[in-house]
C-alpha atoms as a PDB file:
ATOM      1  CA  UNK A   1       0.000   0.000   0.000  1.00  0.00           C
ATOM      2  CA  UNK A   2       1.192   3.487  -0.871  1.00  0.00           C
ATOM      3  CA  UNK A   3       1.830   6.077   1.828  1.00  0.00           C
ATOM      4  CA  UNK A   4      -0.704   8.794   1.131  1.00  0.00           C
ATOM      5  CA  UNK A   5       0.950  11.350   3.415  1.00  0.00           C
ATOM      6  CA  UNK A   6       4.393  10.823   1.858  1.00  0.00           C
ATOM      7  CA  UNK A   7       3.026  11.379  -1.652  1.00  0.00           C
ATOM      8  CA  UNK A   8       1.115  14.497  -0.606  1.00  0.00           C
ATOM      9  CA  UNK A   9       4.193  15.947   1.077  1.00  0.00           C
ATOM     10  CA  UNK A  10       6.357  15.205  -1.967  1.00  0.00           C
ATOM     11  CA  UNK A  11       3.795  16.838  -4.236  1.00  0.00           C
ATOM     12  CA  UNK A  12       3.696  19.975  -2.118  1.00  0.00           C
ATOM     13  CA  UNK A  13       7.512  20.170  -1.890  1.00  0.00           C
ATOM     14  CA  UNK A  14       7.920  19.732  -5.652  1.00  0.00           C
ATOM     15  CA  UNK A  15       7.057  23.378  -6.230  1.00  0.00           C
ATOM     16  CA  UNK A  16       4.653  22.547  -9.041  1.00  0.00           C
ATOM     17  CA  UNK A  17       2.323  25.106 -10.553  1.00  0.00           C
ATOM     18  CA  UNK A  18      -0.023  22.744 -12.354  1.00  0.00           C
ATOM     19  CA  UNK A  19      -3.266  23.684 -14.013  1.00  0.00           C
ATOM     20  CA  UNK A  20      -4.789  20.213 -14.353  1.00  0.00           C
ATOM     21  CA  UNK A  21      -3.007  18.113 -11.709  1.00  0.00           C
ATOM     22  CA  UNK A  22      -4.509  18.105  -8.228  1.00  0.00           C
ATOM     23  CA  UNK A  23      -4.325  16.493  -4.848  1.00  0.00           C
ATOM     24  CA  UNK A  24      -7.570  14.542  -4.583  1.00  0.00           C
ATOM     25  CA  UNK A  25      -8.496  16.192  -1.279  1.00  0.00           C
ATOM     26  CA  UNK A  26      -8.304  19.639  -2.884  1.00  0.00           C
ATOM     27  CA  UNK A  27     -10.635  18.868  -5.788  1.00  0.00           C
ATOM     28  CA  UNK A  28     -14.267  19.931  -5.791  1.00  0.00           C
ATOM     29  CA  UNK A  29     -16.903  17.308  -5.031  1.00  0.00           C
ATOM     30  CA  UNK A  30     -18.406  17.823  -8.483  1.00  0.00           C
ATOM     31  CA  UNK A  31     -15.123  16.977 -10.251  1.00  0.00           C
ATOM     32  CA  UNK A  32     -14.541  14.001  -7.934  1.00  0.00           C
ATOM     33  CA  UNK A  33     -18.019  12.676  -8.702  1.00  0.00           C
ATOM     34  CA  UNK A  34     -17.451  13.047 -12.450  1.00  0.00           C
ATOM     35  CA  UNK A  35     -14.231  11.038 -12.185  1.00  0.00           C
ATOM     36  CA  UNK A  36     -15.541   8.330  -9.853  1.00  0.00           C
ATOM     37  CA  UNK A  37     -18.735   7.806 -11.868  1.00  0.00           C
ATOM     38  CA  UNK A  38     -16.630   6.658 -14.842  1.00  0.00           C
ATOM     39  CA  UNK A  39     -14.919   3.909 -12.843  1.00  0.00           C
ATOM     40  CA  UNK A  40     -15.731   0.706 -11.000  1.00  0.00           C
ATOM     41  CA  UNK A  41     -13.831   1.274  -7.782  1.00  0.00           C
ATOM     42  CA  UNK A  42     -13.212  -0.683  -4.601  1.00  0.00           C
ATOM     43  CA  UNK A  43     -14.299   0.942  -1.357  1.00  0.00           C
ATOM     44  CA  UNK A  44     -10.903   0.388   0.300  1.00  0.00           C
ATOM     45  CA  UNK A  45      -9.164   2.569  -2.253  1.00  0.00           C
ATOM     46  CA  UNK A  46      -8.062   6.107  -1.353  1.00  0.00           C
ATOM     47  CA  UNK A  47      -7.269   8.544  -4.129  1.00  0.00           C
ATOM     48  CA  UNK A  48      -4.236  10.776  -3.812  1.00  0.00           C
ATOM     49  CA  UNK A  49      -3.470  12.614  -7.053  1.00  0.00           C
ATOM     50  CA  UNK A  50      -5.476  13.235 -10.196  1.00  0.00           C
ATOM     51  CA  UNK A  51      -4.399  14.620 -13.573  1.00  0.00           C
ATOM     52  CA  UNK A  52      -7.395  15.749 -15.639  1.00  0.00           C
ATOM     53  CA  UNK A  53      -6.334  16.385 -19.222  1.00  0.00           C
ATOM     54  CA  UNK A  54      -9.983  16.579 -20.286  1.00  0.00           C
ATOM     55  CA  UNK A  55     -13.209  14.676 -19.684  1.00  0.00           C
ATOM     56  CA  UNK A  56     -11.948  11.820 -21.872  1.00  0.00           C
ATOM     57  CA  UNK A  57      -8.497  11.363 -20.303  1.00  0.00           C
ATOM     58  CA  UNK A  58      -7.358  11.339 -16.706  1.00  0.00           C
ATOM     59  CA  UNK A  59      -4.832   9.631 -14.449  1.00  0.00           C
ATOM     60  CA  UNK A  60      -5.731   8.741 -10.920  1.00  0.00           C
ATOM     61  CA  UNK A  61      -3.174   7.603  -8.356  1.00  0.00           C
ATOM     62  CA  UNK A  62      -4.654   5.656  -5.477  1.00  0.00           C
ATOM     63  CA  UNK A  63      -2.989   3.988  -2.536  1.00  0.00           C
ATOM     64  CA  UNK A  64      -3.011   0.669  -4.491  1.00  0.00           C
ATOM     65  CA  UNK A  65      -2.842   1.369  -8.200  1.00  0.00           C
ATOM     66  CA  UNK A  66      -2.628   3.730 -11.133  1.00  0.00           C
ATOM     67  CA  UNK A  67      -5.871   4.228 -13.023  1.00  0.00           C
ATOM     68  CA  UNK A  68      -5.780   5.497 -16.593  1.00  0.00           C
ATOM     69  CA  UNK A  69      -9.058   6.583 -18.137  1.00  0.00           C
ATOM     70  CA  UNK A  70      -8.802   7.167 -21.881  1.00  0.00           C
ATOM     71  CA  UNK A  71     -11.762   7.503 -24.225  1.00  0.00           C
ATOM     72  CA  UNK A  72     -14.279   5.664 -22.028  1.00  0.00           C
ATOM     73  CA  UNK A  73     -11.871   2.812 -21.226  1.00  0.00           C
ATOM     74  CA  UNK A  74     -10.282   2.396 -17.809  1.00  0.00           C
ATOM     75  CA  UNK A  75      -6.962   0.622 -17.307  1.00  0.00           C
ATOM     76  CA  UNK A  76      -6.025  -0.417 -13.769  1.00  0.00           C
ATOM     77  CA  UNK A  77      -2.330  -0.977 -13.035  1.00  0.00           C
ATOM     78  CA  UNK A  78      -1.374  -2.232  -9.574  1.00  0.00           C
ATOM     79  CA  UNK A  79       1.895  -0.628  -8.500  1.00  0.00           C
ATOM     80  CA  UNK A  80       3.462  -4.028  -7.834  1.00  0.00           C
ATOM     81  CA  UNK A  81       3.233  -4.792 -11.578  1.00  0.00           C
ATOM     82  CA  UNK A  82       5.326  -1.764 -12.599  1.00  0.00           C
ATOM     83  CA  UNK A  83       8.949  -2.471 -13.412  1.00  0.00           C
ATOM     84  CA  UNK A  84      10.188   1.002 -14.379  1.00  0.00           C
ATOM     85  CA  UNK A  85       9.308   4.457 -15.660  1.00  0.00           C
ATOM     86  CA  UNK A  86      11.233   6.119 -18.458  1.00  0.00           C
ATOM     87  CA  UNK A  87      11.260   9.517 -20.079  1.00  0.00           C
ATOM     88  CA  UNK A  88      10.676   9.600 -23.808  1.00  0.00           C
ATOM     89  CA  UNK A  89      13.683  10.370 -25.993  1.00  0.00           C
ATOM     90  CA  UNK A  90      14.283  14.099 -26.048  1.00  0.00           C
ATOM     91  CA  UNK A  91      15.459  15.578 -29.316  1.00  0.00           C
ATOM     92  CA  UNK A  92      18.269  18.085 -29.003  1.00  0.00           C
ATOM     93  CA  UNK A  93      16.929  21.595 -28.722  1.00  0.00           C
ATOM     94  CA  UNK A  94      13.709  20.523 -27.026  1.00  0.00           C
ATOM     95  CA  UNK A  95      13.029  21.769 -23.523  1.00  0.00           C
ATOM     96  CA  UNK A  96      12.911  18.921 -21.001  1.00  0.00           C
ATOM     97  CA  UNK A  97      10.140  20.683 -19.080  1.00  0.00           C
ATOM     98  CA  UNK A  98       7.886  20.313 -22.137  1.00  0.00           C
ATOM     99  CA  UNK A  99       7.721  16.548 -21.592  1.00  0.00           C
ATOM    100  CA  UNK A 100       4.092  15.522 -21.323  1.00  0.00           C
ATOM    101  CA  UNK A 101       4.330  11.735 -21.183  1.00  0.00           C
ATOM    102  CA  UNK A 102       6.133   8.888 -19.469  1.00  0.00           C
ATOM    103  CA  UNK A 103       6.634   5.308 -20.579  1.00  0.00           C
ATOM    104  CA  UNK A 104       5.734   2.762 -17.905  1.00  0.00           C
ATOM    105  CA  UNK A 105       7.193  -0.718 -18.351  1.00  0.00           C
ATOM    106  CA  UNK A 106       5.300  -3.490 -16.616  1.00  0.00           C
ATOM    107  CA  UNK A 107       6.867  -6.666 -15.242  1.00  0.00           C
ATOM    108  CA  UNK A 108       5.253  -8.651 -18.071  1.00  0.00           C
ATOM    109  CA  UNK A 109       7.164  -6.536 -20.619  1.00  0.00           C
ATOM    110  CA  UNK A 110       4.248  -4.398 -21.817  1.00  0.00           C
ATOM    111  CA  UNK A 111       4.920  -0.679 -22.122  1.00  0.00           C
ATOM    112  CA  UNK A 112       2.185   1.857 -21.469  1.00  0.00           C
ATOM    113  CA  UNK A 113       2.616   5.517 -22.321  1.00  0.00           C
ATOM    114  CA  UNK A 114       0.823   7.836 -19.941  1.00  0.00           C
ATOM    115  CA  UNK A 115       0.165  11.499 -20.568  1.00  0.00           C
ATOM    116  CA  UNK A 116       1.031  13.957 -17.829  1.00  0.00           C
ATOM    117  CA  UNK A 117       0.841  17.704 -17.494  1.00  0.00           C
ATOM    118  CA  UNK A 118       3.778  19.695 -18.875  1.00  0.00           C
ATOM    119  CA  UNK A 119       6.255  20.840 -16.221  1.00  0.00           C
ATOM    120  CA  UNK A 120       5.302  17.981 -13.893  1.00  0.00           C
ATOM    121  CA  UNK A 121       7.386  15.125 -15.353  1.00  0.00           C
ATOM    122  CA  UNK A 122      10.013  15.315 -12.602  1.00  0.00           C
ATOM    123  CA  UNK A 123       7.381  14.771  -9.909  1.00  0.00           C
ATOM    124  CA  UNK A 124       5.711  11.830 -11.653  1.00  0.00           C
ATOM    125  CA  UNK A 125       9.009  10.258 -12.655  1.00  0.00           C
ATOM    126  CA  UNK A 126      10.150  10.482  -9.026  1.00  0.00           C
ATOM    127  CA  UNK A 127       6.812   9.096  -7.860  1.00  0.00           C
ATOM    128  CA  UNK A 128       7.271   5.990 -10.004  1.00  0.00           C
ATOM    129  CA  UNK A 129      10.832   5.583  -8.732  1.00  0.00           C
ATOM    130  CA  UNK A 130       9.393   5.673  -5.211  1.00  0.00           C
ATOM    131  CA  UNK A 131       6.672   3.152  -6.105  1.00  0.00           C
ATOM    132  CA  UNK A 132       9.021   0.582  -7.551  1.00  0.00           C
END
């Protein structure tokens, strides 16, 4: 199980100025309801961080797993199945802070690319390092 307080503290210390990435506790009830209504969720799960790209794509980090909602399809990835996180290849001349995705390699060899908010890659990359 993931330490909710450790993740919240790391998020706050990261000095992020996100527009679409939130601590779950700081989101409005209306937005929370919109997110939860799209998922089949266990009652024991506590949500920690949510990235809302739009109504058709969001990431939700719980104390047990990563949830990716993309175009009406939810993918549930338990943290114990994640092998590593990698940054995409950066072409010379591109600003590293413009990175808006991470590649997640699972223990079975599958690679899933997740979209994240620009200027937040360092937090999410560090979060995956912490998780694995």
